[in-house]
PDB file of N, CA and C in Angstrom:
ATOM      1  N   UNK A   1     158.799  63.648 -30.217  1.00  0.00           N
ATOM      2  CA  UNK A   1     159.167  64.755 -30.744  1.00  0.00           C
ATOM      3  C   UNK A   1     160.372  65.139 -31.644  1.00  0.00           C
ATOM      4  N   UNK A   2     160.282  66.078 -32.633  1.00  0.00           N
ATOM      5  CA  UNK A   2     161.514  66.001 -33.345  1.00  0.00           C
ATOM      6  C   UNK A   2     161.474  68.032 -33.604  1.00  0.00           C
ATOM      7  N   UNK A   3     163.176  67.855 -34.078  1.00  0.00           N
ATOM      8  CA  UNK A   3     163.150  69.191 -33.851  1.00  0.00           C
ATOM      9  C   UNK A   3     164.286  69.401 -35.088  1.00  0.00           C
ATOM     10  N   UNK A   4     164.452  70.434 -35.655  1.00  0.00           N
ATOM     11  CA  UNK A   4     165.549  70.386 -36.967  1.00  0.00           C
ATOM     12  C   UNK A   4     167.140  71.194 -36.144  1.00  0.00           C
ATOM     13  N   UNK A   5     168.134  70.701 -36.393  1.00  0.00           N
ATOM     14  CA  UNK A   5     169.635  71.359 -36.334  1.00  0.00           C
ATOM     15  C   UNK A   5     169.585  72.324 -37.433  1.00  0.00           C
ATOM     16  N   UNK A   6     170.121  73.572 -36.856  1.00  0.00           N
ATOM     17  CA  UNK A   6     170.581  74.884 -38.014  1.00  0.00           C
ATOM     18  C   UNK A   6     171.860  74.713 -38.001  1.00  0.00           C
ATOM     19  N   UNK A   7     172.368  75.430 -39.201  1.00  0.00           N
ATOM     20  CA  UNK A   7     173.644  75.287 -39.406  1.00  0.00           C
ATOM     21  C   UNK A   7     175.167  75.662 -38.341  1.00  0.00           C
ATOM     22  N   UNK A   8     174.423  76.078 -37.158  1.00  0.00           N
ATOM     23  CA  UNK A   8     175.444  76.625 -36.048  1.00  0.00           C
ATOM     24  C   UNK A   8     175.172  75.431 -35.030  1.00  0.00           C
ATOM     25  N   UNK A   9     174.335  74.497 -35.616  1.00  0.00           N
ATOM     26  CA  UNK A   9     174.292  73.357 -34.408  1.00  0.00           C
ATOM     27  C   UNK A   9     173.282  73.528 -33.584  1.00  0.00           C
ATOM     28  N   UNK A  10     172.391  74.481 -33.680  1.00  0.00           N
ATOM     29  CA  UNK A  10     171.324  74.781 -32.525  1.00  0.00           C
ATOM     30  C   UNK A  10     170.276  74.474 -32.763  1.00  0.00           C
ATOM     31  N   UNK A  11     169.705  73.716 -31.683  1.00  0.00           N
ATOM     32  CA  UNK A  11     168.155  73.155 -31.821  1.00  0.00           C
ATOM     33  C   UNK A  11     167.253  74.009 -30.705  1.00  0.00           C
ATOM     34  N   UNK A  12     166.042  73.954 -31.256  1.00  0.00           N
ATOM     35  CA  UNK A  12     164.871  74.198 -30.333  1.00  0.00           C
ATOM     36  C   UNK A  12     164.281  73.479 -29.499  1.00  0.00           C
ATOM     37  N   UNK A  13     164.195  73.383 -28.255  1.00  0.00           N
ATOM     38  CA  UNK A  13     163.199  72.659 -27.180  1.00  0.00           C
ATOM     39  C   UNK A  13     162.093  73.232 -27.699  1.00  0.00           C
ATOM     40  N   UNK A  14     161.290  71.831 -27.763  1.00  0.00           N
ATOM     41  CA  UNK A  14     159.515  72.087 -27.826  1.00  0.00           C
ATOM     42  C   UNK A  14     158.879  72.833 -26.775  1.00  0.00           C
ATOM     43  N   UNK A  15     158.560  73.634 -27.123  1.00  0.00           N
ATOM     44  CA  UNK A  15     157.700  74.384 -26.084  1.00  0.00           C
ATOM     45  C   UNK A  15     157.092  74.009 -24.969  1.00  0.00           C
ATOM     46  N   UNK A  16     156.285  72.318 -25.273  1.00  0.00           N
ATOM     47  CA  UNK A  16     155.494  71.980 -24.291  1.00  0.00           C
ATOM     48  C   UNK A  16     156.614  71.228 -23.464  1.00  0.00           C
ATOM     49  N   UNK A  17     157.738  70.848 -23.947  1.00  0.00           N
ATOM     50  CA  UNK A  17     158.704  70.048 -22.837  1.00  0.00           C
ATOM     51  C   UNK A  17     159.379  71.275 -22.312  1.00  0.00           C
ATOM     52  N   UNK A  18     159.666  72.250 -22.709  1.00  0.00           N
ATOM     53  CA  UNK A  18     160.162  73.430 -21.934  1.00  0.00           C
ATOM     54  C   UNK A  18     159.223  73.922 -20.546  1.00  0.00           C
ATOM     55  N   UNK A  19     158.398  74.178 -21.130  1.00  0.00           N
ATOM     56  CA  UNK A  19     156.955  74.323 -20.078  1.00  0.00           C
ATOM     57  C   UNK A  19     157.215  73.280 -18.911  1.00  0.00           C
ATOM     58  N   UNK A  20     156.874  71.928 -19.256  1.00  0.00           N
ATOM     59  CA  UNK A  20     157.055  70.746 -18.788  1.00  0.00           C
ATOM     60  C   UNK A  20     158.038  70.648 -17.627  1.00  0.00           C
ATOM     61  N   UNK A  21     159.080  70.894 -18.264  1.00  0.00           N
ATOM     62  CA  UNK A  21     160.236  70.745 -17.251  1.00  0.00           C
ATOM     63  C   UNK A  21     160.909  72.014 -16.737  1.00  0.00           C
ATOM     64  N   UNK A  22     160.339  72.963 -17.064  1.00  0.00           N
ATOM     65  CA  UNK A  22     160.617  74.247 -16.548  1.00  0.00           C
ATOM     66  C   UNK A  22     161.949  75.101 -16.683  1.00  0.00           C
ATOM     67  N   UNK A  23     161.873  74.998 -18.345  1.00  0.00           N
ATOM     68  CA  UNK A  23     163.445  75.171 -19.019  1.00  0.00           C
ATOM     69  C   UNK A  23     162.761  76.755 -19.338  1.00  0.00           C
ATOM     70  N   UNK A  24     163.476  77.537 -18.634  1.00  0.00           N
ATOM     71  CA  UNK A  24     163.434  79.077 -18.658  1.00  0.00           C
ATOM     72  C   UNK A  24     164.614  79.444 -19.573  1.00  0.00           C
ATOM     73  N   UNK A  25     164.710  81.106 -20.500  1.00  0.00           N
ATOM     74  CA  UNK A  25     165.931  80.942 -21.149  1.00  0.00           C
ATOM     75  C   UNK A  25     167.178  81.458 -20.181  1.00  0.00           C
ATOM     76  N   UNK A  26     168.598  81.029 -20.472  1.00  0.00           N
ATOM     77  CA  UNK A  26     169.395  81.302 -19.592  1.00  0.00           C
ATOM     78  C   UNK A  26     169.434  80.001 -18.623  1.00  0.00           C
ATOM     79  N   UNK A  27     168.502  78.757 -18.983  1.00  0.00           N
ATOM     80  CA  UNK A  27     168.872  77.614 -18.075  1.00  0.00           C
ATOM     81  C   UNK A  27     169.696  76.904 -18.563  1.00  0.00           C
ATOM     82  N   UNK A  28     170.585  75.980 -18.040  1.00  0.00           N
ATOM     83  CA  UNK A  28     171.739  75.375 -18.333  1.00  0.00           C
ATOM     84  C   UNK A  28     171.432  73.537 -18.733  1.00  0.00           C
ATOM     85  N   UNK A  29     171.940  73.240 -19.760  1.00  0.00           N
ATOM     86  CA  UNK A  29     171.216  71.707 -20.453  1.00  0.00           C
ATOM     87  C   UNK A  29     172.617  71.137 -20.491  1.00  0.00           C
ATOM     88  N   UNK A  30     172.715  69.873 -19.662  1.00  0.00           N
ATOM     89  CA  UNK A  30     173.208  68.932 -20.295  1.00  0.00           C
ATOM     90  C   UNK A  30     173.323  68.013 -21.130  1.00  0.00           C
ATOM     91  N   UNK A  31     174.349  67.954 -22.036  1.00  0.00           N
ATOM     92  CA  UNK A  31     174.170  66.899 -23.191  1.00  0.00           C
ATOM     93  C   UNK A  31     175.283  65.851 -22.683  1.00  0.00           C
ATOM     94  N   UNK A  32     174.106  64.765 -22.393  1.00  0.00           N
ATOM     95  CA  UNK A  32     175.128  63.265 -22.028  1.00  0.00           C
ATOM     96  C   UNK A  32     174.827  62.182 -22.988  1.00  0.00           C
ATOM     97  N   UNK A  33     176.352  61.890 -23.358  1.00  0.00           N
ATOM     98  CA  UNK A  33     176.421  60.903 -24.642  1.00  0.00           C
ATOM     99  C   UNK A  33     176.142  59.572 -23.918  1.00  0.00           C
ATOM    100  N   UNK A  34     175.340  58.870 -24.445  1.00  0.00           N
ATOM    101  CA  UNK A  34     174.956  57.183 -24.072  1.00  0.00           C
ATOM    102  C   UNK A  34     174.922  56.457 -25.421  1.00  0.00           C
ATOM    103  N   UNK A  35     174.715  55.473 -25.073  1.00  0.00           N
ATOM    104  CA  UNK A  35     174.978  54.276 -26.320  1.00  0.00           C
ATOM    105  C   UNK A  35     173.926  54.277 -27.473  1.00  0.00           C
ATOM    106  N   UNK A  36     172.767  54.631 -27.155  1.00  0.00           N
ATOM    107  CA  UNK A  36     171.503  54.756 -27.762  1.00  0.00           C
ATOM    108  C   UNK A  36     171.196  56.235 -28.131  1.00  0.00           C
ATOM    109  N   UNK A  37     172.269  56.855 -27.985  1.00  0.00           N
ATOM    110  CA  UNK A  37     172.490  58.652 -28.206  1.00  0.00           C
ATOM    111  C   UNK A  37     172.571  59.513 -27.228  1.00  0.00           C
ATOM    112  N   UNK A  38     171.733  60.617 -27.782  1.00  0.00           N
ATOM    113  CA  UNK A  38     172.409  61.638 -26.624  1.00  0.00           C
ATOM    114  C   UNK A  38     171.183  61.995 -25.756  1.00  0.00           C
ATOM    115  N   UNK A  39     171.426  62.308 -24.144  1.00  0.00           N
ATOM    116  CA  UNK A  39     170.185  62.398 -23.662  1.00  0.00           C
ATOM    117  C   UNK A  39     170.838  63.934 -22.930  1.00  0.00           C
ATOM    118  N   UNK A  40     169.564  64.746 -23.086  1.00  0.00           N
ATOM    119  CA  UNK A  40     169.420  66.402 -22.141  1.00  0.00           C
ATOM    120  C   UNK A  40     168.861  66.399 -20.840  1.00  0.00           C
ATOM    121  N   UNK A  41     169.666  67.169 -20.358  1.00  0.00           N
ATOM    122  CA  UNK A  41     169.195  67.062 -18.874  1.00  0.00           C
ATOM    123  C   UNK A  41     169.266  68.523 -18.198  1.00  0.00           C
ATOM    124  N   UNK A  42     168.148  68.958 -17.692  1.00  0.00           N
ATOM    125  CA  UNK A  42     168.243  70.366 -17.169  1.00  0.00           C
ATOM    126  C   UNK A  42     169.291  70.541 -15.751  1.00  0.00           C
ATOM    127  N   UNK A  43     170.131  71.102 -16.077  1.00  0.00           N
ATOM    128  CA  UNK A  43     171.210  71.161 -14.772  1.00  0.00           C
ATOM    129  C   UNK A  43     170.153  71.611 -13.963  1.00  0.00           C
ATOM    130  N   UNK A  44     170.268  71.463 -12.470  1.00  0.00           N
ATOM    131  CA  UNK A  44     169.992  71.876 -11.268  1.00  0.00           C
ATOM    132  C   UNK A  44     170.755  71.923 -10.561  1.00  0.00           C
ATOM    133  N   UNK A  45     171.048  73.233  -9.789  1.00  0.00           N
ATOM    134  CA  UNK A  45     171.971  73.709  -8.808  1.00  0.00           C
ATOM    135  C   UNK A  45     171.935  73.101  -7.952  1.00  0.00           C
ATOM    136  N   UNK A  46     172.944  72.711  -7.278  1.00  0.00           N
ATOM    137  CA  UNK A  46     173.328  71.912  -5.906  1.00  0.00           C
ATOM    138  C   UNK A  46     173.193  72.744  -4.938  1.00  0.00           C
ATOM    139  N   UNK A  47     173.358  72.248  -4.136  1.00  0.00           N
ATOM    140  CA  UNK A  47     173.234  73.366  -2.420  1.00  0.00           C
ATOM    141  C   UNK A  47     171.786  73.536  -1.590  1.00  0.00           C
ATOM    142  N   UNK A  48     170.934  73.271  -2.635  1.00  0.00           N
ATOM    143  CA  UNK A  48     169.438  73.419  -1.961  1.00  0.00           C
ATOM    144  C   UNK A  48     169.079  74.651  -2.622  1.00  0.00           C
ATOM    145  N   UNK A  49     169.669  75.599  -3.123  1.00  0.00           N
ATOM    146  CA  UNK A  49     168.657  76.493  -4.393  1.00  0.00           C
ATOM    147  C   UNK A  49     167.901  75.751  -5.129  1.00  0.00           C
ATOM    148  N   UNK A  50     168.433  75.063  -5.437  1.00  0.00           N
ATOM    149  CA  UNK A  50     167.752  74.027  -7.021  1.00  0.00           C
ATOM    150  C   UNK A  50     166.312  73.023  -6.161  1.00  0.00           C
ATOM    151  N   UNK A  51     166.560  72.832  -5.252  1.00  0.00           N
ATOM    152  CA  UNK A  51     165.602  71.627  -4.649  1.00  0.00           C
ATOM    153  C   UNK A  51     164.603  72.540  -3.366  1.00  0.00           C
ATOM    154  N   UNK A  52     165.214  73.517  -2.677  1.00  0.00           N
ATOM    155  CA  UNK A  52     164.241  74.413  -1.953  1.00  0.00           C
ATOM    156  C   UNK A  52     162.727  75.044  -3.104  1.00  0.00           C
ATOM    157  N   UNK A  53     161.924  75.222  -3.050  1.00  0.00           N
ATOM    158  CA  UNK A  53     161.005  75.706  -3.661  1.00  0.00           C
ATOM    159  C   UNK A  53     160.524  74.872  -4.634  1.00  0.00           C
ATOM    160  N   UNK A  54     161.039  73.870  -5.184  1.00  0.00           N
ATOM    161  CA  UNK A  54     160.708  73.037  -6.500  1.00  0.00           C
ATOM    162  C   UNK A  54     159.389  72.733  -6.201  1.00  0.00           C
ATOM    163  N   UNK A  55     158.526  71.897  -5.461  1.00  0.00           N
ATOM    164  CA  UNK A  55     157.402  71.846  -4.980  1.00  0.00           C
ATOM    165  C   UNK A  55     156.268  72.946  -4.908  1.00  0.00           C
ATOM    166  N   UNK A  56     156.561  74.329  -5.145  1.00  0.00           N
ATOM    167  CA  UNK A  56     156.056  75.178  -3.992  1.00  0.00           C
ATOM    168  C   UNK A  56     154.427  75.346  -5.064  1.00  0.00           C
ATOM    169  N   UNK A  57     154.812  75.357  -5.827  1.00  0.00           N
ATOM    170  CA  UNK A  57     152.943  75.512  -6.587  1.00  0.00           C
ATOM    171  C   UNK A  57     152.278  74.311  -6.014  1.00  0.00           C
ATOM    172  N   UNK A  58     152.818  72.885  -5.972  1.00  0.00           N
ATOM    173  CA  UNK A  58     152.131  71.809  -5.754  1.00  0.00           C
ATOM    174  C   UNK A  58     151.705  71.676  -4.227  1.00  0.00           C
ATOM    175  N   UNK A  59     152.761  72.732  -2.875  1.00  0.00           N
ATOM    176  CA  UNK A  59     152.285  72.366  -2.180  1.00  0.00           C
ATOM    177  C   UNK A  59     151.747  73.911  -1.230  1.00  0.00           C
ATOM    178  N   UNK A  60     151.309  74.612  -2.058  1.00  0.00           N
ATOM    179  CA  UNK A  60     150.585  76.327  -1.518  1.00  0.00           C
ATOM    180  C   UNK A  60     149.600  76.266  -1.095  1.00  0.00           C
ATOM    181  N   UNK A  61     149.317  76.383  -0.011  1.00  0.00           N
ATOM    182  CA  UNK A  61     148.137  76.474   0.875  1.00  0.00           C
ATOM    183  C   UNK A  61     148.134  75.071   1.582  1.00  0.00           C
ATOM    184  N   UNK A  62     148.932  74.145   1.892  1.00  0.00           N
ATOM    185  CA  UNK A  62     149.111  73.162   2.364  1.00  0.00           C
ATOM    186  C   UNK A  62     149.949  73.637   3.707  1.00  0.00           C
ATOM    187  N   UNK A  63     148.963  72.820   4.605  1.00  0.00           N
ATOM    188  CA  UNK A  63     149.818  72.818   6.155  1.00  0.00           C
ATOM    189  C   UNK A  63     151.041  71.677   6.306  1.00  0.00           C
ATOM    190  N   UNK A  64     152.031  72.022   6.599  1.00  0.00           N
ATOM    191  CA  UNK A  64     153.348  70.666   6.763  1.00  0.00           C
ATOM    192  C   UNK A  64     152.666  70.141   7.369  1.00  0.00           C
ATOM    193  N   UNK A  65     152.157  70.209   8.746  1.00  0.00           N
ATOM    194  CA  UNK A  65     151.954  68.785   9.658  1.00  0.00           C
ATOM    195  C   UNK A  65     151.501  68.308   8.887  1.00  0.00           C
ATOM    196  N   UNK A  66     150.069  68.739   8.219  1.00  0.00           N
ATOM    197  CA  UNK A  66     148.782  67.814   7.646  1.00  0.00           C
ATOM    198  C   UNK A  66     149.835  66.915   6.380  1.00  0.00           C
ATOM    199  N   UNK A  67     150.914  67.512   5.957  1.00  0.00           N
ATOM    200  CA  UNK A  67     151.272  66.800   4.498  1.00  0.00           C
ATOM    201  C   UNK A  67     152.483  65.884   4.925  1.00  0.00           C
ATOM    202  N   UNK A  68     152.803  66.312   6.423  1.00  0.00           N
ATOM    203  CA  UNK A  68     153.742  64.975   6.716  1.00  0.00           C
ATOM    204  C   UNK A  68     152.580  63.864   7.575  1.00  0.00           C
ATOM    205  N   UNK A  69     151.614  64.145   7.558  1.00  0.00           N
ATOM    206  CA  UNK A  69     151.298  63.162   8.660  1.00  0.00           C
ATOM    207  C   UNK A  69     150.460  62.302   7.261  1.00  0.00           C
ATOM    208  N   UNK A  70     149.960  62.776   6.306  1.00  0.00           N
ATOM    209  CA  UNK A  70     149.450  61.934   4.846  1.00  0.00           C
ATOM    210  C   UNK A  70     150.710  61.410   4.292  1.00  0.00           C
ATOM    211  N   UNK A  71     151.865  61.680   4.542  1.00  0.00           N
ATOM    212  CA  UNK A  71     152.862  61.137   3.651  1.00  0.00           C
ATOM    213  C   UNK A  71     153.243  59.399   4.914  1.00  0.00           C
ATOM    214  N   UNK A  72     153.273  59.857   6.056  1.00  0.00           N
ATOM    215  CA  UNK A  72     153.439  58.904   6.882  1.00  0.00           C
ATOM    216  C   UNK A  72     152.452  57.812   7.461  1.00  0.00           C
ATOM    217  N   UNK A  73     151.255  58.132   7.190  1.00  0.00           N
ATOM    218  CA  UNK A  73     150.281  57.203   7.158  1.00  0.00           C
ATOM    219  C   UNK A  73     149.652  57.537   8.611  1.00  0.00           C
ATOM    220  N   UNK A  74     149.089  56.928   9.260  1.00  0.00           N
ATOM    221  CA  UNK A  74     148.456  56.781  10.849  1.00  0.00           C
ATOM    222  C   UNK A  74     149.499  56.519  11.861  1.00  0.00           C
ATOM    223  N   UNK A  75     149.910  56.550  13.032  1.00  0.00           N
ATOM    224  CA  UNK A  75     150.740  56.688  14.030  1.00  0.00           C
ATOM    225  C   UNK A  75     149.809  56.220  14.924  1.00  0.00           C
ATOM    226  N   UNK A  76     150.146  55.055  15.792  1.00  0.00           N
ATOM    227  CA  UNK A  76     149.702  54.354  16.894  1.00  0.00           C
ATOM    228  C   UNK A  76     150.852  54.664  17.876  1.00  0.00           C
ATOM    229  N   UNK A  77     150.624  54.795  19.033  1.00  0.00           N
ATOM    230  CA  UNK A  77     151.647  55.047  19.850  1.00  0.00           C
ATOM    231  C   UNK A  77     151.582  53.917  20.451  1.00  0.00           C
ATOM    232  N   UNK A  78     152.307  53.292  21.341  1.00  0.00           N
ATOM    233  CA  UNK A  78     152.159  52.198  22.299  1.00  0.00           C
ATOM    234  C   UNK A  78     151.229  52.614  23.336  1.00  0.00           C
ATOM    235  N   UNK A  79     150.514  51.668  24.116  1.00  0.00           N
ATOM    236  CA  UNK A  79     149.996  52.134  25.467  1.00  0.00           C
ATOM    237  C   UNK A  79     151.304  51.896  26.363  1.00  0.00           C
ATOM    238  N   UNK A  80     150.862  52.835  27.472  1.00  0.00           N
ATOM    239  CA  UNK A  80     151.777  53.217  28.685  1.00  0.00           C
ATOM    240  C   UNK A  80     152.026  51.538  29.255  1.00  0.00           C
ATOM    241  N   UNK A  81     153.025  51.597  30.074  1.00  0.00           N
ATOM    242  CA  UNK A  81     153.138  50.449  30.936  1.00  0.00           C
ATOM    243  C   UNK A  81     153.111  50.651  32.106  1.00  0.00           C
ATOM    244  N   UNK A  82     152.175  49.962  32.818  1.00  0.00           N
ATOM    245  CA  UNK A  82     152.006  50.194  34.380  1.00  0.00           C
ATOM    246  C   UNK A  82     153.382  49.973  34.921  1.00  0.00           C
ATOM    247  N   UNK A  83     153.212  51.085  36.284  1.00  0.00           N
ATOM    248  CA  UNK A  83     154.476  50.095  36.999  1.00  0.00           C
ATOM    249  C   UNK A  83     154.509  49.563  38.280  1.00  0.00           C
TER     250      UNK A  83
END
């Protein structure tokens, strides 16, 4: 996707990308220089707030125990030894 740079050096991030990456008005974006050009990265707050709730929509209505069981797979406990 391409976009024009204004005389003030501003660019518009295409709506499809803003929606996909959750970039809302007021979001902080980092410009990261690289060998092949510049990368844009959405800044995620550290300290938990940026991570907590990031999957809220994907996980809504699911039981945490069921989700953990799905991630871990079947657990087979060893048989008890006879003493």
